[in-house]
PDB file of N, CA and C in Angstrom:
ATOM      1  N   UNK A   1      -1.428   6.775 -11.953  1.00  0.00           N
ATOM      2  CA  UNK A   1      -1.499   7.090 -10.532  1.00  0.00           C
ATOM      3  C   UNK A   1      -0.179   7.671 -10.084  1.00  0.00           C
ATOM      4  N   UNK A   2      -0.268   8.630  -9.197  1.00  0.00           N
ATOM      5  CA  UNK A   2       0.955   9.235  -8.676  1.00  0.00           C
ATOM      6  C   UNK A   2       1.354   8.554  -7.373  1.00  0.00           C
ATOM      7  N   UNK A   3       2.609   8.768  -7.026  1.00  0.00           N
ATOM      8  CA  UNK A   3       3.096   8.252  -5.753  1.00  0.00           C
ATOM      9  C   UNK A   3       2.335   8.852  -4.583  1.00  0.00           C
ATOM     10  N   UNK A   4       1.852  10.066  -4.763  1.00  0.00           N
ATOM     11  CA  UNK A   4       1.110  10.735  -3.692  1.00  0.00           C
ATOM     12  C   UNK A   4      -0.173   9.981  -3.354  1.00  0.00           C
ATOM     13  N   UNK A   5      -0.846   9.471  -4.369  1.00  0.00           N
ATOM     14  CA  UNK A   5      -2.062   8.687  -4.135  1.00  0.00           C
ATOM     15  C   UNK A   5      -1.738   7.428  -3.333  1.00  0.00           C
ATOM     16  N   UNK A   6      -0.634   6.789  -3.666  1.00  0.00           N
ATOM     17  CA  UNK A   6      -0.214   5.592  -2.940  1.00  0.00           C
ATOM     18  C   UNK A   6       0.123   5.945  -1.490  1.00  0.00           C
ATOM     19  N   UNK A   7       0.825   7.060  -1.286  1.00  0.00           N
ATOM     20  CA  UNK A   7       1.152   7.501   0.079  1.00  0.00           C
ATOM     21  C   UNK A   7      -0.099   7.741   0.908  1.00  0.00           C
ATOM     22  N   UNK A   8      -1.091   8.374   0.308  1.00  0.00           N
ATOM     23  CA  UNK A   8      -2.346   8.625   1.024  1.00  0.00           C
ATOM     24  C   UNK A   8      -2.989   7.309   1.463  1.00  0.00           C
ATOM     25  N   UNK A   9      -2.955   6.333   0.581  1.00  0.00           N
ATOM     26  CA  UNK A   9      -3.498   5.025   0.948  1.00  0.00           C
ATOM     27  C   UNK A   9      -2.713   4.419   2.099  1.00  0.00           C
ATOM     28  N   UNK A  10      -1.393   4.496   2.036  1.00  0.00           N
ATOM     29  CA  UNK A  10      -0.566   3.930   3.094  1.00  0.00           C
ATOM     30  C   UNK A  10      -0.887   4.549   4.447  1.00  0.00           C
ATOM     31  N   UNK A  11      -1.132   5.850   4.450  1.00  0.00           N
ATOM     32  CA  UNK A  11      -1.441   6.532   5.713  1.00  0.00           C
ATOM     33  C   UNK A  11      -2.812   6.125   6.265  1.00  0.00           C
ATOM     34  N   UNK A  12      -3.654   5.553   5.434  1.00  0.00           N
ATOM     35  CA  UNK A  12      -4.975   5.103   5.888  1.00  0.00           C
ATOM     36  C   UNK A  12      -4.955   3.712   6.502  1.00  0.00           C
ATOM     37  N   UNK A  13      -3.819   3.035   6.458  1.00  0.00           N
ATOM     38  CA  UNK A  13      -3.728   1.649   6.918  1.00  0.00           C
ATOM     39  C   UNK A  13      -4.203   1.484   8.357  1.00  0.00           C
ATOM     40  N   UNK A  14      -3.739   2.315   9.252  1.00  0.00           N
ATOM     41  CA  UNK A  14      -4.118   2.209  10.673  1.00  0.00           C
ATOM     42  C   UNK A  14      -5.615   2.438  10.848  1.00  0.00           C
ATOM     43  N   UNK A  15      -6.157   3.414  10.136  1.00  0.00           N
ATOM     44  CA  UNK A  15      -7.600   3.684  10.235  1.00  0.00           C
ATOM     45  C   UNK A  15      -8.418   2.486   9.754  1.00  0.00           C
ATOM     46  N   UNK A  16      -7.959   1.849   8.685  1.00  0.00           N
ATOM     47  CA  UNK A  16      -8.655   0.675   8.162  1.00  0.00           C
ATOM     48  C   UNK A  16      -8.593  -0.470   9.173  1.00  0.00           C
ATOM     49  N   UNK A  17      -7.428  -0.665   9.785  1.00  0.00           N
ATOM     50  CA  UNK A  17      -7.301  -1.706  10.812  1.00  0.00           C
ATOM     51  C   UNK A  17      -8.253  -1.450  11.973  1.00  0.00           C
ATOM     52  N   UNK A  18      -8.309  -0.208  12.418  1.00  0.00           N
ATOM     53  CA  UNK A  18      -9.200   0.143  13.524  1.00  0.00           C
ATOM     54  C   UNK A  18     -10.659  -0.109  13.152  1.00  0.00           C
ATOM     55  N   UNK A  19     -11.035   0.265  11.937  1.00  0.00           N
ATOM     56  CA  UNK A  19     -12.416   0.079  11.487  1.00  0.00           C
ATOM     57  C   UNK A  19     -12.757  -1.411  11.398  1.00  0.00           C
ATOM     58  N   UNK A  20     -11.827  -2.200  10.847  1.00  0.00           N
ATOM     59  CA  UNK A  20     -12.054  -3.641  10.740  1.00  0.00           C
ATOM     60  C   UNK A  20     -12.217  -4.272  12.116  1.00  0.00           C
ATOM     61  N   UNK A  21     -11.411  -3.832  13.072  1.00  0.00           N
ATOM     62  CA  UNK A  21     -11.499  -4.377  14.428  1.00  0.00           C
ATOM     63  C   UNK A  21     -12.772  -3.908  15.127  1.00  0.00           C
ATOM     64  N   UNK A  22     -13.093  -2.647  14.973  1.00  0.00           N
ATOM     65  CA  UNK A  22     -14.271  -2.080  15.628  1.00  0.00           C
ATOM     66  C   UNK A  22     -15.556  -2.774  15.192  1.00  0.00           C
ATOM     67  N   UNK A  23     -15.657  -3.042  13.906  1.00  0.00           N
ATOM     68  CA  UNK A  23     -16.878  -3.650  13.370  1.00  0.00           C
ATOM     69  C   UNK A  23     -16.757  -5.173  13.182  1.00  0.00           C
ATOM     70  N   UNK A  24     -15.643  -5.749  13.661  1.00  0.00           N
ATOM     71  CA  UNK A  24     -15.419  -7.192  13.505  1.00  0.00           C
ATOM     72  C   UNK A  24     -15.639  -7.620  12.051  1.00  0.00           C
ATOM     73  N   UNK A  25     -15.053  -6.840  11.132  1.00  0.00           N
ATOM     74  CA  UNK A  25     -15.273  -7.075   9.710  1.00  0.00           C
ATOM     75  C   UNK A  25     -13.944  -7.008   8.963  1.00  0.00           C
ATOM     76  N   UNK A  26     -13.315  -8.155   8.726  1.00  0.00           N
ATOM     77  CA  UNK A  26     -12.026  -8.164   8.047  1.00  0.00           C
ATOM     78  C   UNK A  26     -12.104  -7.745   6.579  1.00  0.00           C
ATOM     79  N   UNK A  27     -13.310  -7.636   6.029  1.00  0.00           N
ATOM     80  CA  UNK A  27     -13.412  -7.227   4.629  1.00  0.00           C
ATOM     81  C   UNK A  27     -12.907  -5.800   4.414  1.00  0.00           C
ATOM     82  N   UNK A  28     -12.958  -4.967   5.443  1.00  0.00           N
ATOM     83  CA  UNK A  28     -12.393  -3.616   5.313  1.00  0.00           C
ATOM     84  C   UNK A  28     -10.905  -3.702   5.002  1.00  0.00           C
ATOM     85  N   UNK A  29     -10.217  -4.577   5.708  1.00  0.00           N
ATOM     86  CA  UNK A  29      -8.784  -4.754   5.489  1.00  0.00           C
ATOM     87  C   UNK A  29      -8.528  -5.422   4.142  1.00  0.00           C
ATOM     88  N   UNK A  30      -9.287  -6.443   3.823  1.00  0.00           N
ATOM     89  CA  UNK A  30      -9.111  -7.139   2.548  1.00  0.00           C
ATOM     90  C   UNK A  30      -9.321  -6.192   1.365  1.00  0.00           C
ATOM     91  N   UNK A  31     -10.358  -5.383   1.427  1.00  0.00           N
ATOM     92  CA  UNK A  31     -10.626  -4.419   0.351  1.00  0.00           C
ATOM     93  C   UNK A  31      -9.523  -3.375   0.250  1.00  0.00           C
ATOM     94  N   UNK A  32      -9.020  -2.921   1.396  1.00  0.00           N
ATOM     95  CA  UNK A  32      -7.927  -1.953   1.403  1.00  0.00           C
ATOM     96  C   UNK A  32      -6.684  -2.540   0.735  1.00  0.00           C
ATOM     97  N   UNK A  33      -6.337  -3.774   1.103  1.00  0.00           N
ATOM     98  CA  UNK A  33      -5.147  -4.408   0.538  1.00  0.00           C
ATOM     99  C   UNK A  33      -5.299  -4.621  -0.964  1.00  0.00           C
ATOM    100  N   UNK A  34      -6.484  -4.999  -1.394  1.00  0.00           N
ATOM    101  CA  UNK A  34      -6.746  -5.164  -2.822  1.00  0.00           C
ATOM    102  C   UNK A  34      -6.599  -3.836  -3.557  1.00  0.00           C
ATOM    103  N   UNK A  35      -7.188  -2.789  -3.011  1.00  0.00           N
ATOM    104  CA  UNK A  35      -7.090  -1.465  -3.630  1.00  0.00           C
ATOM    105  C   UNK A  35      -5.640  -0.990  -3.686  1.00  0.00           C
ATOM    106  N   UNK A  36      -4.915  -1.175  -2.605  1.00  0.00           N
ATOM    107  CA  UNK A  36      -3.512  -0.772  -2.571  1.00  0.00           C
ATOM    108  C   UNK A  36      -2.718  -1.533  -3.631  1.00  0.00           C
ATOM    109  N   UNK A  37      -2.927  -2.826  -3.699  1.00  0.00           N
ATOM    110  CA  UNK A  37      -2.224  -3.630  -4.689  1.00  0.00           C
ATOM    111  C   UNK A  37      -2.536  -3.209  -6.114  1.00  0.00           C
ATOM    112  N   UNK A  38      -3.791  -2.940  -6.392  1.00  0.00           N
ATOM    113  CA  UNK A  38      -4.192  -2.528  -7.739  1.00  0.00           C
ATOM    114  C   UNK A  38      -3.609  -1.170  -8.111  1.00  0.00           C
ATOM    115  N   UNK A  39      -3.701  -0.233  -7.196  1.00  0.00           N
ATOM    116  CA  UNK A  39      -3.186   1.113  -7.488  1.00  0.00           C
ATOM    117  C   UNK A  39      -1.665   1.111  -7.599  1.00  0.00           C
ATOM    118  N   UNK A  40      -1.022   0.322  -6.750  1.00  0.00           N
ATOM    119  CA  UNK A  40       0.431   0.247  -6.830  1.00  0.00           C
ATOM    120  C   UNK A  40       0.856  -0.408  -8.142  1.00  0.00           C
ATOM    121  N   UNK A  41       0.142  -1.424  -8.579  1.00  0.00           N
ATOM    122  CA  UNK A  41       0.460  -2.084  -9.836  1.00  0.00           C
ATOM    123  C   UNK A  41       0.415  -1.086 -10.991  1.00  0.00           C
ATOM    124  N   UNK A  42      -0.618  -0.275 -11.031  1.00  0.00           N
ATOM    125  CA  UNK A  42      -0.735   0.747 -12.071  1.00  0.00           C
ATOM    126  C   UNK A  42       0.412   1.742 -11.974  1.00  0.00           C
ATOM    127  N   UNK A  43       0.691   2.206 -10.771  1.00  0.00           N
ATOM    128  CA  UNK A  43       1.799   3.143 -10.556  1.00  0.00           C
ATOM    129  C   UNK A  43       3.112   2.547 -11.046  1.00  0.00           C
ATOM    130  N   UNK A  44       3.370   1.311 -10.676  1.00  0.00           N
ATOM    131  CA  UNK A  44       4.640   0.660 -10.998  1.00  0.00           C
ATOM    132  C   UNK A  44       4.831   0.518 -12.506  1.00  0.00           C
ATOM    133  N   UNK A  45       3.737   0.266 -13.220  1.00  0.00           N
ATOM    134  CA  UNK A  45       3.844   0.129 -14.668  1.00  0.00           C
ATOM    135  C   UNK A  45       3.959   1.468 -15.380  1.00  0.00           C
ATOM    136  N   UNK A  46       3.463   2.512 -14.769  1.00  0.00           N
ATOM    137  CA  UNK A  46       3.511   3.841 -15.397  1.00  0.00           C
ATOM    138  C   UNK A  46       4.750   4.647 -15.023  1.00  0.00           C
ATOM    139  N   UNK A  47       5.324   4.376 -13.881  1.00  0.00           N
ATOM    140  CA  UNK A  47       6.430   5.196 -13.368  1.00  0.00           C
ATOM    141  C   UNK A  47       7.670   4.326 -13.167  1.00  0.00           C
ATOM    142  N   UNK A  48       8.678   4.498 -14.003  1.00  0.00           N
ATOM    143  CA  UNK A  48       9.886   3.689 -13.830  1.00  0.00           C
ATOM    144  C   UNK A  48      10.553   3.963 -12.496  1.00  0.00           C
ATOM    145  N   UNK A  49      10.984   2.912 -11.852  1.00  0.00           N
ATOM    146  CA  UNK A  49      11.634   3.049 -10.550  1.00  0.00           C
ATOM    147  C   UNK A  49      13.140   3.174 -10.727  1.00  0.00           C
ATOM    148  N   UNK A  50      13.742   2.228 -11.404  1.00  0.00           N
ATOM    149  CA  UNK A  50      15.200   2.226 -11.549  1.00  0.00           C
ATOM    150  C   UNK A  50      15.682   3.098 -12.698  1.00  0.00           C
ATOM    151  N   UNK A  51      14.852   3.359 -13.685  1.00  0.00           N
ATOM    152  CA  UNK A  51      15.271   4.159 -14.828  1.00  0.00           C
ATOM    153  C   UNK A  51      15.079   5.657 -14.643  1.00  0.00           C
ATOM    154  N   UNK A  52      14.565   6.053 -13.514  1.00  0.00           N
ATOM    155  CA  UNK A  52      14.296   7.472 -13.246  1.00  0.00           C
ATOM    156  C   UNK A  52      15.576   8.163 -12.759  1.00  0.00           C
ATOM    157  N   UNK A  53      15.593   9.500 -12.761  1.00  0.00           N
ATOM    158  CA  UNK A  53      16.735  10.210 -12.171  1.00  0.00           C
ATOM    159  C   UNK A  53      16.960   9.762 -10.726  1.00  0.00           C
ATOM    160  N   UNK A  54      18.183   9.905 -10.257  1.00  0.00           N
ATOM    161  CA  UNK A  54      18.605   9.325  -8.978  1.00  0.00           C
ATOM    162  C   UNK A  54      17.684   9.681  -7.801  1.00  0.00           C
ATOM    163  N   UNK A  55      17.359  10.957  -7.616  1.00  0.00           N
ATOM    164  CA  UNK A  55      16.512  11.356  -6.480  1.00  0.00           C
ATOM    165  C   UNK A  55      15.107  10.770  -6.597  1.00  0.00           C
ATOM    166  N   UNK A  56      14.582  10.782  -7.799  1.00  0.00           N
ATOM    167  CA  UNK A  56      13.243  10.224  -8.013  1.00  0.00           C
ATOM    168  C   UNK A  56      13.275   8.718  -7.803  1.00  0.00           C
ATOM    169  N   UNK A  57      14.314   8.082  -8.297  1.00  0.00           N
ATOM    170  CA  UNK A  57      14.449   6.640  -8.136  1.00  0.00           C
ATOM    171  C   UNK A  57      14.511   6.254  -6.664  1.00  0.00           C
ATOM    172  N   UNK A  58      15.261   6.996  -5.883  1.00  0.00           N
ATOM    173  CA  UNK A  58      15.345   6.718  -4.436  1.00  0.00           C
ATOM    174  C   UNK A  58      13.988   6.843  -3.768  1.00  0.00           C
ATOM    175  N   UNK A  59      13.253   7.883  -4.124  1.00  0.00           N
ATOM    176  CA  UNK A  59      11.928   8.090  -3.533  1.00  0.00           C
ATOM    177  C   UNK A  59      10.991   6.952  -3.931  1.00  0.00           C
ATOM    178  N   UNK A  60      11.063   6.540  -5.167  1.00  0.00           N
ATOM    179  CA  UNK A  60      10.189   5.457  -5.631  1.00  0.00           C
ATOM    180  C   UNK A  60      10.563   4.127  -5.001  1.00  0.00           C
ATOM    181  N   UNK A  61      11.843   3.896  -4.792  1.00  0.00           N
ATOM    182  CA  UNK A  61      12.269   2.674  -4.108  1.00  0.00           C
ATOM    183  C   UNK A  61      11.729   2.663  -2.679  1.00  0.00           C
ATOM    184  N   UNK A  62      11.790   3.806  -2.010  1.00  0.00           N
ATOM    185  CA  UNK A  62      11.243   3.908  -0.650  1.00  0.00           C
ATOM    186  C   UNK A  62       9.743   3.627  -0.661  1.00  0.00           C
ATOM    187  N   UNK A  63       9.055   4.115  -1.676  1.00  0.00           N
ATOM    188  CA  UNK A  63       7.618   3.871  -1.798  1.00  0.00           C
ATOM    189  C   UNK A  63       7.346   2.380  -2.026  1.00  0.00           C
ATOM    190  N   UNK A  64       8.120   1.761  -2.882  1.00  0.00           N
ATOM    191  CA  UNK A  64       7.982   0.321  -3.128  1.00  0.00           C
ATOM    192  C   UNK A  64       8.160  -0.454  -1.823  1.00  0.00           C
ATOM    193  N   UNK A  65       9.167  -0.098  -1.061  1.00  0.00           N
ATOM    194  CA  UNK A  65       9.428  -0.784   0.207  1.00  0.00           C
ATOM    195  C   UNK A  65       8.294  -0.574   1.206  1.00  0.00           C
ATOM    196  N   UNK A  66       7.751   0.633   1.244  1.00  0.00           N
ATOM    197  CA  UNK A  66       6.650   0.930   2.163  1.00  0.00           C
ATOM    198  C   UNK A  66       5.400   0.140   1.779  1.00  0.00           C
ATOM    199  N   UNK A  67       5.101   0.085   0.496  1.00  0.00           N
ATOM    200  CA  UNK A  67       3.934  -0.681   0.035  1.00  0.00           C
ATOM    201  C   UNK A  67       4.125  -2.161   0.364  1.00  0.00           C
ATOM    202  N   UNK A  68       5.316  -2.667   0.112  1.00  0.00           N
ATOM    203  CA  UNK A  68       5.591  -4.070   0.412  1.00  0.00           C
ATOM    204  C   UNK A  68       5.381  -4.365   1.892  1.00  0.00           C
ATOM    205  N   UNK A  69       5.826  -3.470   2.758  1.00  0.00           N
ATOM    206  CA  UNK A  69       5.689  -3.686   4.197  1.00  0.00           C
ATOM    207  C   UNK A  69       4.228  -3.658   4.638  1.00  0.00           C
ATOM    208  N   UNK A  70       3.468  -2.715   4.112  1.00  0.00           N
ATOM    209  CA  UNK A  70       2.047  -2.629   4.474  1.00  0.00           C
ATOM    210  C   UNK A  70       1.291  -3.856   3.961  1.00  0.00           C
ATOM    211  N   UNK A  71       1.586  -4.273   2.736  1.00  0.00           N
ATOM    212  CA  UNK A  71       0.936  -5.480   2.222  1.00  0.00           C
ATOM    213  C   UNK A  71       1.316  -6.694   3.067  1.00  0.00           C
ATOM    214  N   UNK A  72       2.568  -6.804   3.419  1.00  0.00           N
ATOM    215  CA  UNK A  72       3.032  -7.919   4.257  1.00  0.00           C
ATOM    216  C   UNK A  72       2.323  -7.915   5.609  1.00  0.00           C
ATOM    217  N   UNK A  73       2.296  -6.741   6.244  1.00  0.00           N
ATOM    218  CA  UNK A  73       1.655  -6.640   7.562  1.00  0.00           C
ATOM    219  C   UNK A  73       0.160  -6.933   7.475  1.00  0.00           C
ATOM    220  N   UNK A  74      -0.485  -6.365   6.460  1.00  0.00           N
ATOM    221  CA  UNK A  74      -1.920  -6.567   6.306  1.00  0.00           C
ATOM    222  C   UNK A  74      -2.286  -8.019   6.039  1.00  0.00           C
ATOM    223  N   UNK A  75      -1.515  -8.675   5.186  1.00  0.00           N
ATOM    224  CA  UNK A  75      -1.794 -10.079   4.890  1.00  0.00           C
ATOM    225  C   UNK A  75      -1.496 -10.963   6.103  1.00  0.00           C
ATOM    226  N   UNK A  76      -0.491 -10.615   6.855  1.00  0.00           N
ATOM    227  CA  UNK A  76      -0.185 -11.369   8.076  1.00  0.00           C
ATOM    228  C   UNK A  76      -1.344 -11.256   9.073  1.00  0.00           C
ATOM    229  N   UNK A  77      -1.892 -10.062   9.200  1.00  0.00           N
ATOM    230  CA  UNK A  77      -3.037  -9.855  10.084  1.00  0.00           C
ATOM    231  C   UNK A  77      -4.232 -10.667   9.586  1.00  0.00           C
ATOM    232  N   UNK A  78      -4.446 -10.660   8.274  1.00  0.00           N
ATOM    233  CA  UNK A  78      -5.564 -11.425   7.708  1.00  0.00           C
ATOM    234  C   UNK A  78      -5.409 -12.920   7.989  1.00  0.00           C
ATOM    235  N   UNK A  79      -4.190 -13.413   7.926  1.00  0.00           N
ATOM    236  CA  UNK A  79      -3.947 -14.840   8.136  1.00  0.00           C
ATOM    237  C   UNK A  79      -4.057 -15.222   9.620  1.00  0.00           C
ATOM    238  N   UNK A  80      -3.621 -14.326  10.508  1.00  0.00           N
ATOM    239  CA  UNK A  80      -3.594 -14.639  11.937  1.00  0.00           C
ATOM    240  C   UNK A  80      -4.784 -14.071  12.685  1.00  0.00           C
ATOM    241  N   UNK A  81      -5.496 -13.154  12.026  1.00  0.00           N
ATOM    242  CA  UNK A  81      -6.629 -12.435  12.536  1.00  0.00           C
ATOM    243  C   UNK A  81      -7.134 -12.823  13.832  1.00  0.00           C
TER     244      UNK A  81
END
């Protein structure tokens, strides 16, 4: 998986939240978080973050941080729903 695929998923977070709220169905959010976690796991194992050239490493670190924040926010919403 490329970082671009992960970015596309991250940009869908708000739409997924809106859909889950609109239909009173938290499974939309749960499925999104599961998919994000699975795809990020594959990306992380295939693409070195710290061993990459400096510019690539910085971009990947930013991606890691963004994924972590979305997962944190999504799980917090699921818990406090």
